[in-house]
């Protein structure tokens, strides 16, 4: 039986999701700005990591993905 999240846990996960989503948008915007001008491998890894963290957090809230 899956663990039921408390109201506090849901709030905290939503807070983390908001932060991660904002961070991801900023990283993607910066990536588009510097693409072709510099080595963007670190930015790409950051974007991939943030995307995965967002998916993981969303799956905690709605495990039926």
N, C-alpha and C. Protein backbone atom coordinates (compact mmCIF):
# COMPACT_ATOMS: atom_id res chain seq x y z
N UNK A 1 0.84 -1.18 0.00
CA UNK A 1 0.00 0.00 0.00
C UNK A 1 0.89 1.24 0.00
N UNK A 2 0.66 2.18 -0.93
CA UNK A 2 1.49 3.38 -1.01
C UNK A 2 1.32 4.27 0.21
N UNK A 3 2.37 4.98 0.50
CA UNK A 3 2.38 5.91 1.63
C UNK A 3 1.53 7.14 1.30
N UNK A 4 0.60 7.48 2.19
CA UNK A 4 -0.20 8.69 2.02
C UNK A 4 0.62 9.88 2.52
N UNK A 5 0.73 10.91 1.70
CA UNK A 5 1.48 12.10 2.08
C UNK A 5 0.65 12.97 3.00
N UNK A 6 1.32 13.57 3.95
CA UNK A 6 0.64 14.52 4.82
C UNK A 6 0.49 15.84 4.08
N UNK A 7 -0.37 16.70 4.59
CA UNK A 7 -0.57 18.00 3.99
C UNK A 7 0.74 18.78 3.94
N UNK A 8 1.52 18.71 5.00
CA UNK A 8 2.81 19.40 5.07
C UNK A 8 3.76 18.88 3.99
N UNK A 9 3.81 17.56 3.81
CA UNK A 9 4.67 16.97 2.78
C UNK A 9 4.27 17.43 1.38
N UNK A 10 2.98 17.49 1.13
CA UNK A 10 2.49 17.96 -0.16
C UNK A 10 2.90 19.42 -0.38
N UNK A 11 2.75 20.25 0.64
CA UNK A 11 3.16 21.65 0.53
C UNK A 11 4.64 21.77 0.24
N UNK A 12 5.46 21.01 0.94
CA UNK A 12 6.91 21.07 0.75
C UNK A 12 7.30 20.58 -0.65
N UNK A 13 6.67 19.53 -1.11
CA UNK A 13 6.96 19.03 -2.46
C UNK A 13 6.57 20.08 -3.50
N UNK A 14 5.42 20.70 -3.31
CA UNK A 14 5.00 21.76 -4.24
C UNK A 14 5.97 22.94 -4.20
N UNK A 15 6.48 23.25 -3.04
CA UNK A 15 7.47 24.33 -2.90
C UNK A 15 8.75 23.96 -3.66
N UNK A 16 9.20 22.74 -3.50
CA UNK A 16 10.39 22.27 -4.23
C UNK A 16 10.14 22.26 -5.73
N UNK A 17 8.96 21.85 -6.14
CA UNK A 17 8.62 21.85 -7.57
C UNK A 17 8.66 23.26 -8.14
N UNK A 18 8.13 24.21 -7.42
CA UNK A 18 8.14 25.60 -7.89
C UNK A 18 9.57 26.09 -8.04
N UNK A 19 10.41 25.81 -7.06
CA UNK A 19 11.80 26.23 -7.11
C UNK A 19 12.53 25.57 -8.27
N UNK A 20 12.37 24.24 -8.41
CA UNK A 20 13.04 23.50 -9.47
C UNK A 20 12.58 23.96 -10.85
N UNK A 21 11.29 24.22 -10.99
CA UNK A 21 10.76 24.66 -12.27
C UNK A 21 11.32 26.02 -12.66
N UNK A 22 11.36 26.94 -11.70
CA UNK A 22 11.93 28.27 -11.95
C UNK A 22 13.40 28.16 -12.32
N UNK A 23 14.12 27.32 -11.61
CA UNK A 23 15.53 27.11 -11.87
C UNK A 23 15.75 26.52 -13.26
N UNK A 24 14.90 25.59 -13.64
CA UNK A 24 15.01 24.97 -14.96
C UNK A 24 14.75 25.99 -16.06
N UNK A 25 13.75 26.82 -15.89
CA UNK A 25 13.45 27.85 -16.89
C UNK A 25 14.63 28.80 -17.06
N UNK A 26 15.23 29.21 -15.95
CA UNK A 26 16.39 30.10 -16.01
C UNK A 26 17.57 29.42 -16.71
N UNK A 27 17.80 28.15 -16.40
CA UNK A 27 18.90 27.43 -17.04
C UNK A 27 18.69 27.29 -18.54
N UNK A 28 17.45 26.98 -18.94
CA UNK A 28 17.16 26.85 -20.37
C UNK A 28 17.31 28.18 -21.09
N UNK A 29 16.87 29.26 -20.46
CA UNK A 29 17.00 30.59 -21.05
C UNK A 29 18.48 30.96 -21.21
N UNK A 30 19.26 30.71 -20.17
CA UNK A 30 20.68 31.01 -20.23
C UNK A 30 21.36 30.15 -21.29
N UNK A 31 20.98 28.87 -21.35
CA UNK A 31 21.53 27.97 -22.35
C UNK A 31 21.29 28.50 -23.76
N UNK A 32 20.08 28.94 -24.04
CA UNK A 32 19.76 29.47 -25.36
C UNK A 32 20.56 30.74 -25.65
N UNK A 33 20.85 31.51 -24.61
CA UNK A 33 21.61 32.75 -24.77
C UNK A 33 23.07 32.48 -25.14
N UNK A 34 23.69 31.47 -24.53
CA UNK A 34 25.11 31.22 -24.74
C UNK A 34 25.40 30.08 -25.71
N UNK A 35 24.37 29.43 -26.20
CA UNK A 35 24.55 28.28 -27.11
C UNK A 35 25.39 28.70 -28.31
N UNK A 36 26.39 27.91 -28.61
CA UNK A 36 27.26 28.20 -29.74
C UNK A 36 28.41 29.12 -29.41
N UNK A 37 28.38 29.76 -28.25
CA UNK A 37 29.44 30.70 -27.89
C UNK A 37 30.43 30.09 -26.91
N UNK A 38 30.02 29.07 -26.21
CA UNK A 38 30.86 28.48 -25.19
C UNK A 38 30.51 27.01 -25.00
N UNK A 39 31.27 26.32 -24.20
CA UNK A 39 30.99 24.93 -23.89
C UNK A 39 29.76 24.87 -22.98
N UNK A 40 28.72 24.24 -23.46
CA UNK A 40 27.45 24.23 -22.72
C UNK A 40 27.16 22.88 -22.06
N UNK A 41 28.15 22.02 -21.99
CA UNK A 41 27.94 20.69 -21.42
C UNK A 41 27.42 20.75 -19.98
N UNK A 42 27.99 21.63 -19.15
CA UNK A 42 27.53 21.74 -17.76
C UNK A 42 26.08 22.22 -17.68
N UNK A 43 25.73 23.17 -18.52
CA UNK A 43 24.34 23.63 -18.55
C UNK A 43 23.40 22.52 -18.99
N UNK A 44 23.79 21.76 -19.97
CA UNK A 44 22.95 20.65 -20.42
C UNK A 44 22.75 19.62 -19.31
N UNK A 45 23.80 19.32 -18.56
CA UNK A 45 23.67 18.38 -17.45
C UNK A 45 22.77 18.95 -16.36
N UNK A 46 22.90 20.24 -16.09
CA UNK A 46 22.05 20.90 -15.10
C UNK A 46 20.58 20.83 -15.51
N UNK A 47 20.33 21.07 -16.78
CA UNK A 47 18.96 21.02 -17.30
C UNK A 47 18.41 19.59 -17.19
N UNK A 48 19.21 18.61 -17.56
CA UNK A 48 18.77 17.21 -17.46
C UNK A 48 18.49 16.81 -16.02
N UNK A 49 19.38 17.22 -15.11
CA UNK A 49 19.20 16.90 -13.70
C UNK A 49 17.94 17.55 -13.14
N UNK A 50 17.74 18.83 -13.45
CA UNK A 50 16.54 19.52 -12.97
C UNK A 50 15.28 18.90 -13.52
N UNK A 51 15.31 18.52 -14.78
CA UNK A 51 14.14 17.88 -15.39
C UNK A 51 13.81 16.57 -14.69
N UNK A 52 14.84 15.79 -14.40
CA UNK A 52 14.62 14.51 -13.71
C UNK A 52 14.10 14.73 -12.29
N UNK A 53 14.64 15.71 -11.58
CA UNK A 53 14.17 15.99 -10.22
C UNK A 53 12.71 16.42 -10.22
N UNK A 54 12.32 17.22 -11.21
CA UNK A 54 10.93 17.65 -11.31
C UNK A 54 10.03 16.44 -11.56
N UNK A 55 10.44 15.54 -12.44
CA UNK A 55 9.66 14.33 -12.70
C UNK A 55 9.52 13.50 -11.43
N UNK A 56 10.61 13.36 -10.69
CA UNK A 56 10.58 12.57 -9.46
C UNK A 56 9.65 13.19 -8.42
N UNK A 57 9.71 14.51 -8.27
CA UNK A 57 8.84 15.18 -7.31
C UNK A 57 7.37 15.06 -7.73
N UNK A 58 7.10 15.23 -9.01
CA UNK A 58 5.71 15.09 -9.49
C UNK A 58 5.19 13.68 -9.27
N UNK A 59 6.06 12.69 -9.43
CA UNK A 59 5.61 11.31 -9.24
C UNK A 59 5.26 11.04 -7.77
N UNK A 60 5.86 11.79 -6.85
CA UNK A 60 5.48 11.66 -5.44
C UNK A 60 4.06 12.16 -5.21
N UNK A 61 3.71 13.23 -5.91
CA UNK A 61 2.37 13.80 -5.74
C UNK A 61 1.31 12.99 -6.48
N UNK A 62 1.68 12.48 -7.62
CA UNK A 62 0.73 11.74 -8.45
C UNK A 62 1.44 10.51 -9.01
N UNK A 63 1.49 9.43 -8.25
CA UNK A 63 2.27 8.25 -8.66
C UNK A 63 1.70 7.47 -9.83
N UNK A 64 0.72 8.02 -10.53
CA UNK A 64 0.07 7.29 -11.62
C UNK A 64 0.60 7.72 -12.98
N UNK A 65 1.76 8.39 -13.04
CA UNK A 65 2.32 8.83 -14.32
C UNK A 65 2.63 7.68 -15.23
